[in-house]
Protein backbone atom coordinates (compact mmCIF):
# COMPACT_ATOMS: atom_id res chain seq x y z
CA MET A 1 0.26 -0.53 0.09
CA ARG A 2 2.52 2.24 1.01
CA THR A 3 4.27 1.70 -2.53
CA ILE A 4 1.44 2.42 -4.38
CA LYS A 5 0.92 5.77 -2.23
CA ARG A 6 4.15 6.48 -3.19
CA LEU A 7 4.24 5.92 -6.83
CA PHE A 8 0.38 8.43 -6.90
CA SER A 9 2.35 10.89 -5.35
CA SER A 10 5.55 10.44 -7.12
CA SER A 11 6.72 13.46 -10.19
CA VAL A 12 7.02 10.37 -12.64
CA PHE A 13 3.36 9.70 -12.48
CA TYR A 14 2.95 12.95 -12.33
CA ARG A 15 4.14 13.60 -15.59
CA PHE A 16 2.62 10.40 -17.17
CA ALA A 17 -1.03 11.34 -16.02
CA SER A 18 -0.26 14.73 -17.64
CA SER A 19 0.48 13.64 -20.20
CA HIS A 20 -2.39 11.25 -21.07
CA MET A 21 -4.98 14.20 -19.59
CA SER A 22 -2.80 16.36 -22.68
CA ASN A 23 -3.16 14.12 -24.72
CA PHE A 24 -6.94 13.53 -24.11
CA ARG A 25 -8.18 17.24 -24.32
CA SER A 26 -5.81 17.63 -27.66
CA ASN A 27 -8.55 15.76 -29.41
CA GLU A 28 -11.08 17.79 -27.90
CA ILE A 29 -9.47 21.19 -28.66
CA LYS A 30 -10.25 23.71 -31.37
CA ARG A 31 -7.04 25.07 -33.62
CA VAL A 32 -7.59 28.04 -35.44
CA SER A 33 -4.41 29.78 -37.70
CA ILE A 34 -3.98 33.65 -38.16
CA GLU A 35 -2.60 34.14 -41.89
CA GLY A 36 -1.39 37.37 -43.57
CA ASN A 37 1.02 39.06 -45.23
CA ILE A 38 4.31 40.73 -43.32
CA ALA A 39 3.61 43.03 -40.42
CA VAL A 40 -0.93 42.91 -41.57
CA GLY A 41 -1.01 43.02 -38.01
CA LYS A 42 -1.38 39.36 -36.70
CA SER A 43 0.76 39.98 -33.55
CA THR A 44 -1.79 42.95 -32.34
CA PHE A 45 -4.60 40.91 -33.39
CA ALA A 46 -3.71 38.25 -31.50
CA LYS A 47 -3.53 39.99 -28.60
CA LEU A 48 -7.36 40.59 -28.63
CA LEU A 49 -8.16 37.09 -28.71
CA GLN A 50 -5.65 36.01 -26.04
CA ASN A 51 -8.15 38.49 -23.90
CA ALA A 52 -11.48 36.80 -25.10
CA GLY A 53 -11.58 34.47 -22.18
CA GLN A 54 -8.90 31.93 -20.52
CA ASP A 55 -9.75 28.73 -22.24
CA TRP A 56 -8.21 30.38 -25.13
CA GLU A 57 -4.14 30.62 -25.86
CA VAL A 58 -2.11 32.15 -28.70
CA ILE A 59 0.81 30.44 -30.51
CA ALA A 60 3.17 32.94 -31.34
CA GLU A 61 5.39 32.87 -34.12
CA PRO A 62 8.76 31.72 -33.21
CA VAL A 63 10.84 34.60 -34.28
CA SER A 64 13.13 34.83 -31.43
CA LYS A 65 14.82 31.51 -32.11
CA TRP A 66 15.00 32.55 -36.33
CA GLN A 67 17.02 35.72 -34.38
CA ASN A 68 19.00 33.88 -32.20
CA VAL A 69 19.79 29.97 -33.38
CA ASP A 70 22.04 29.42 -30.89
CA GLN A 71 18.90 29.49 -27.69
CA THR A 72 17.75 26.52 -30.04
CA VAL A 73 21.10 24.51 -31.16
CA LYS A 74 23.76 24.07 -28.53
CA TYR A 75 26.36 23.42 -31.41
CA PHE A 76 26.68 27.19 -32.13
CA SER A 77 27.22 27.70 -27.89
CA SER A 78 30.64 26.95 -28.88
CA LEU A 79 31.50 29.01 -31.28
CA THR A 80 33.34 32.83 -30.54
CA VAL A 81 31.73 34.51 -33.62
CA PRO A 82 28.17 36.73 -32.75
CA GLN A 83 25.38 34.06 -32.39
CA PRO A 84 23.44 33.46 -35.83
CA ASN A 85 20.53 35.47 -36.60
CA LEU A 86 18.74 32.79 -39.12
CA LEU A 87 16.36 35.67 -40.01
CA GLU A 88 18.91 38.26 -41.34
CA MET A 89 20.82 36.06 -42.94
CA MET A 90 17.97 35.16 -45.33
CA TYR A 91 17.13 38.64 -45.92
CA HIS A 92 21.02 39.83 -47.07
CA ASP A 93 21.14 36.37 -48.94
CA PRO A 94 17.99 35.14 -50.07
CA LYS A 95 19.87 32.49 -52.44
CA ARG A 96 22.39 31.39 -50.01
CA TRP A 97 19.91 31.07 -46.80
CA SER A 98 16.21 30.71 -47.76
CA TYR A 99 16.39 26.71 -48.12
CA THR A 100 18.10 26.50 -44.73
CA PHE A 101 15.86 29.39 -42.76
CA GLN A 102 12.48 28.42 -44.29
CA THR A 103 13.58 24.24 -43.12
CA PHE A 104 14.13 25.86 -39.43
CA SER A 105 10.95 27.98 -39.66
CA CYS A 106 8.31 25.77 -40.38
CA MET A 107 10.33 22.89 -37.98
CA SER A 108 10.63 25.15 -34.95
CA ARG A 109 7.08 26.48 -35.82
CA MET A 110 5.69 22.56 -35.85
CA ARG A 111 7.91 22.21 -32.60
CA THR A 112 5.76 24.77 -31.22
CA HIS A 113 2.52 23.86 -32.07
CA LEU A 114 3.14 20.09 -30.61
CA GLN A 115 4.07 21.24 -26.88
CA PRO A 116 2.38 20.16 -24.17
CA LEU A 117 -1.83 21.56 -23.98
CA ALA A 118 -1.33 24.95 -21.19
CA ALA A 119 -2.80 24.12 -17.57
CA ARG A 120 -5.19 26.42 -17.71
CA LEU A 121 -6.60 24.98 -21.08
CA LEU A 122 -6.55 21.18 -19.70
CA GLN A 123 -8.52 22.37 -16.40
CA SER A 124 -10.93 24.70 -18.72
CA THR A 125 -14.80 23.82 -18.22
CA GLY A 126 -15.36 24.87 -22.01
CA THR A 127 -13.62 24.42 -25.41
CA PRO A 128 -10.70 25.20 -25.17
CA VAL A 129 -9.03 26.93 -28.64
CA GLN A 130 -5.77 27.45 -29.84
CA VAL A 131 -4.28 30.27 -31.77
CA TYR A 132 -1.58 29.83 -34.31
CA GLU A 133 0.19 32.69 -35.54
CA ARG A 134 0.39 31.46 -39.00
CA SER A 135 0.48 27.13 -39.80
CA VAL A 136 2.86 25.08 -41.26
CA TYR A 137 0.77 25.40 -44.32
CA SER A 138 1.30 29.24 -44.92
CA ASP A 139 5.48 27.91 -44.33
CA ARG A 140 5.00 26.41 -47.43
CA TYR A 141 2.12 27.57 -49.61
CA ILE A 142 3.39 30.72 -49.13
CA PHE A 143 6.65 31.84 -48.23
CA ALA A 144 8.37 28.65 -49.57
CA LEU A 145 6.71 28.13 -52.61
CA ASN A 146 7.40 32.46 -52.51
CA MET A 147 11.14 32.15 -52.51
CA PHE A 148 11.60 28.82 -55.23
CA GLU A 149 9.23 30.96 -57.87
CA LEU A 150 11.45 33.53 -57.31
CA GLY A 151 14.82 30.88 -58.22
CA CYS A 152 16.30 31.56 -54.37
CA ILE A 153 15.46 27.79 -53.61
CA ASN A 154 16.03 25.50 -56.21
CA SER A 155 14.35 23.12 -57.88
CA THR A 156 16.40 20.43 -56.20
CA GLU A 157 15.55 21.92 -52.73
CA TRP A 158 11.73 22.13 -53.66
CA ALA A 159 11.62 18.68 -54.14
CA VAL A 160 13.17 17.78 -50.90
CA TYR A 161 11.30 20.56 -49.46
CA GLN A 162 7.75 19.00 -49.92
CA ASP A 163 8.92 15.84 -49.39
CA TRP A 164 9.24 16.18 -45.70
CA HIS A 165 6.65 18.91 -45.01
CA SER A 166 4.38 16.63 -46.54
CA PHE A 167 5.87 13.20 -44.36
CA LEU A 168 5.76 15.55 -40.83
CA VAL A 169 1.77 16.42 -41.85
CA GLU A 170 0.93 12.95 -42.25
CA GLN A 171 2.61 12.25 -39.11
CA PHE A 172 1.73 15.03 -36.98
CA GLY A 173 -1.21 16.73 -38.56
CA HIS A 174 -3.84 15.33 -36.78
CA ARG A 175 -2.55 17.07 -33.50
CA ILE A 176 -2.05 20.37 -35.22
CA GLN A 177 -5.56 20.15 -37.50
CA LEU A 178 -7.23 23.27 -38.01
CA GLU A 179 -10.59 24.19 -37.43
CA GLY A 180 -10.79 27.41 -39.24
CA ILE A 181 -8.12 30.06 -40.52
CA ILE A 182 -8.66 33.93 -39.63
CA TYR A 183 -7.48 35.91 -42.59
CA LEU A 184 -6.47 39.22 -42.07
CA ARG A 185 -5.90 40.84 -45.00
CA ALA A 186 -4.80 44.80 -46.08
CA SER A 187 -3.53 46.24 -49.53
CA PRO A 188 0.96 45.90 -49.79
CA GLN A 189 1.10 49.56 -49.34
CA THR A 190 0.23 49.18 -46.45
CA CYS A 191 1.78 46.46 -44.97
CA MET A 192 4.87 48.26 -45.96
CA GLU A 193 3.91 51.43 -43.97
CA ARG A 194 3.48 49.28 -40.72
CA LEU A 195 6.54 47.40 -41.09
CA GLY A 196 8.36 50.80 -41.71
CA ARG A 197 6.83 51.52 -37.80
CA ARG A 198 7.66 48.55 -36.73
CA GLY A 199 11.18 48.83 -37.17
CA ARG A 200 12.43 45.42 -37.12
CA MET A 201 15.97 44.93 -38.15
CA GLU A 202 16.57 42.13 -40.38
CA GLU A 203 13.67 43.30 -42.78
CA GLN A 204 14.49 47.03 -42.97
CA GLY A 205 15.62 46.26 -47.17
CA ILE A 206 11.65 44.19 -47.87
CA GLN A 207 10.85 45.96 -51.34
CA LEU A 208 7.47 46.54 -51.88
CA ASP A 209 7.27 43.76 -54.83
CA TYR A 210 8.01 41.36 -52.21
CA LEU A 211 4.95 42.09 -49.87
CA GLU A 212 2.50 42.37 -53.32
CA LYS A 213 3.94 38.47 -54.05
CA LEU A 214 3.10 37.51 -50.69
CA HIS A 215 -0.44 39.17 -51.15
CA THR A 216 -1.07 37.00 -54.18
CA LYS A 217 0.09 34.45 -52.31
CA HIS A 218 -2.38 34.64 -49.13
CA GLU A 219 -5.71 35.87 -52.19
CA ASP A 220 -4.73 32.55 -54.37
CA TRP A 221 -4.53 30.31 -51.63
CA LEU A 222 -7.27 31.21 -49.26
CA ILE A 223 -9.75 33.56 -51.57
CA ASN A 224 -9.64 31.95 -54.99
CA LYS A 225 -8.23 28.60 -53.86
CA SER A 226 -6.56 28.34 -56.60
CA THR A 227 -3.20 26.78 -54.71
CA ASN A 228 -2.52 23.04 -55.80
CA ASP A 229 -3.21 20.27 -53.08
CA TRP A 230 -6.22 22.69 -51.77
CA SER A 231 -8.14 19.35 -50.95
CA HIS A 232 -5.71 19.37 -47.68
CA PHE A 233 -8.07 22.13 -46.92
CA HIS A 234 -11.50 21.41 -48.52
CA TYR A 235 -13.04 21.52 -44.51
CA ILE A 236 -11.69 24.69 -43.74
CA MET A 237 -13.40 28.04 -44.56
CA PRO A 238 -12.23 31.40 -43.29
CA VAL A 239 -14.07 32.54 -40.76
CA MET A 240 -12.57 36.35 -41.04
CA SER A 241 -11.43 38.08 -44.15
CA ASP A 242 -11.44 41.75 -44.31
CA LYS A 243 -9.19 44.67 -44.04
CA ALA A 244 -7.23 44.34 -40.82
CA ALA A 245 -7.36 48.12 -40.44
CA PHE A 246 -10.54 47.72 -39.09
CA VAL A 247 -9.47 45.02 -36.33
CA SER A 248 -10.68 46.53 -33.14
CA ALA A 249 -11.23 45.03 -29.54
CA GLY A 250 -14.62 44.30 -30.13
CA GLU A 251 -13.80 41.55 -32.95
CA GLY A 252 -11.98 39.60 -30.14
CA THR A 253 -15.40 38.71 -28.32
CA SER A 254 -16.90 38.24 -31.62
CA LEU A 255 -14.72 35.55 -32.54
CA LYS A 256 -14.81 34.42 -29.17
CA LYS A 257 -18.70 33.45 -30.00
CA THR A 258 -18.55 32.19 -33.24
CA PHE A 259 -16.23 28.66 -31.89
């Protein structure tokens, strides 16, 4: 009897039980992604949703990992060179670093999305909702595809990228399957203005034509539904497709009612 009590009170049992509870609740959770162009206002909108209720959790883009690979890959800790900023390296020399960045970007996003549920979601009496700031699908069908079409990812790299991306989605897709997509829309000119105002160092060299290409990709994917492999998203209807300039605090509550 004492042995059994010790087992149930041990940290090993706690981790085991928490893991299984997380898996159980993960089958109930609703997942939504916020999609849109660079500097369209996703982070601002995500903060509104975070405040919509205790049963909502926003999973931010792992930008800090892209800016400091040292935090993620222990190998770099032994180097004496400055901490690798893969985001900056990609923008500075896209033909050299686009495939590397798009791979690391998608992998780090997938890893973030597969993390165990937060304790408050496990304890929620309602329907828990996770909101992703972009998804692994926009990684492929927007950003990586765009770099391939620009000639910054060659045909061999693109074939390899699609192969491992398809494999990961087949293996883990059920754990990050989306209930819907929130598409924030703004003109490339508006995004360019916002990009300048936020002043992220790595983005200073971005040109308007790059944002225009990304805008077209988003429209093809989420509005025109002309992206190849659209069958992967046959169950998804964007629950919001409006000008991001009109996002307001009330829309967080309104969207919560939708789910």
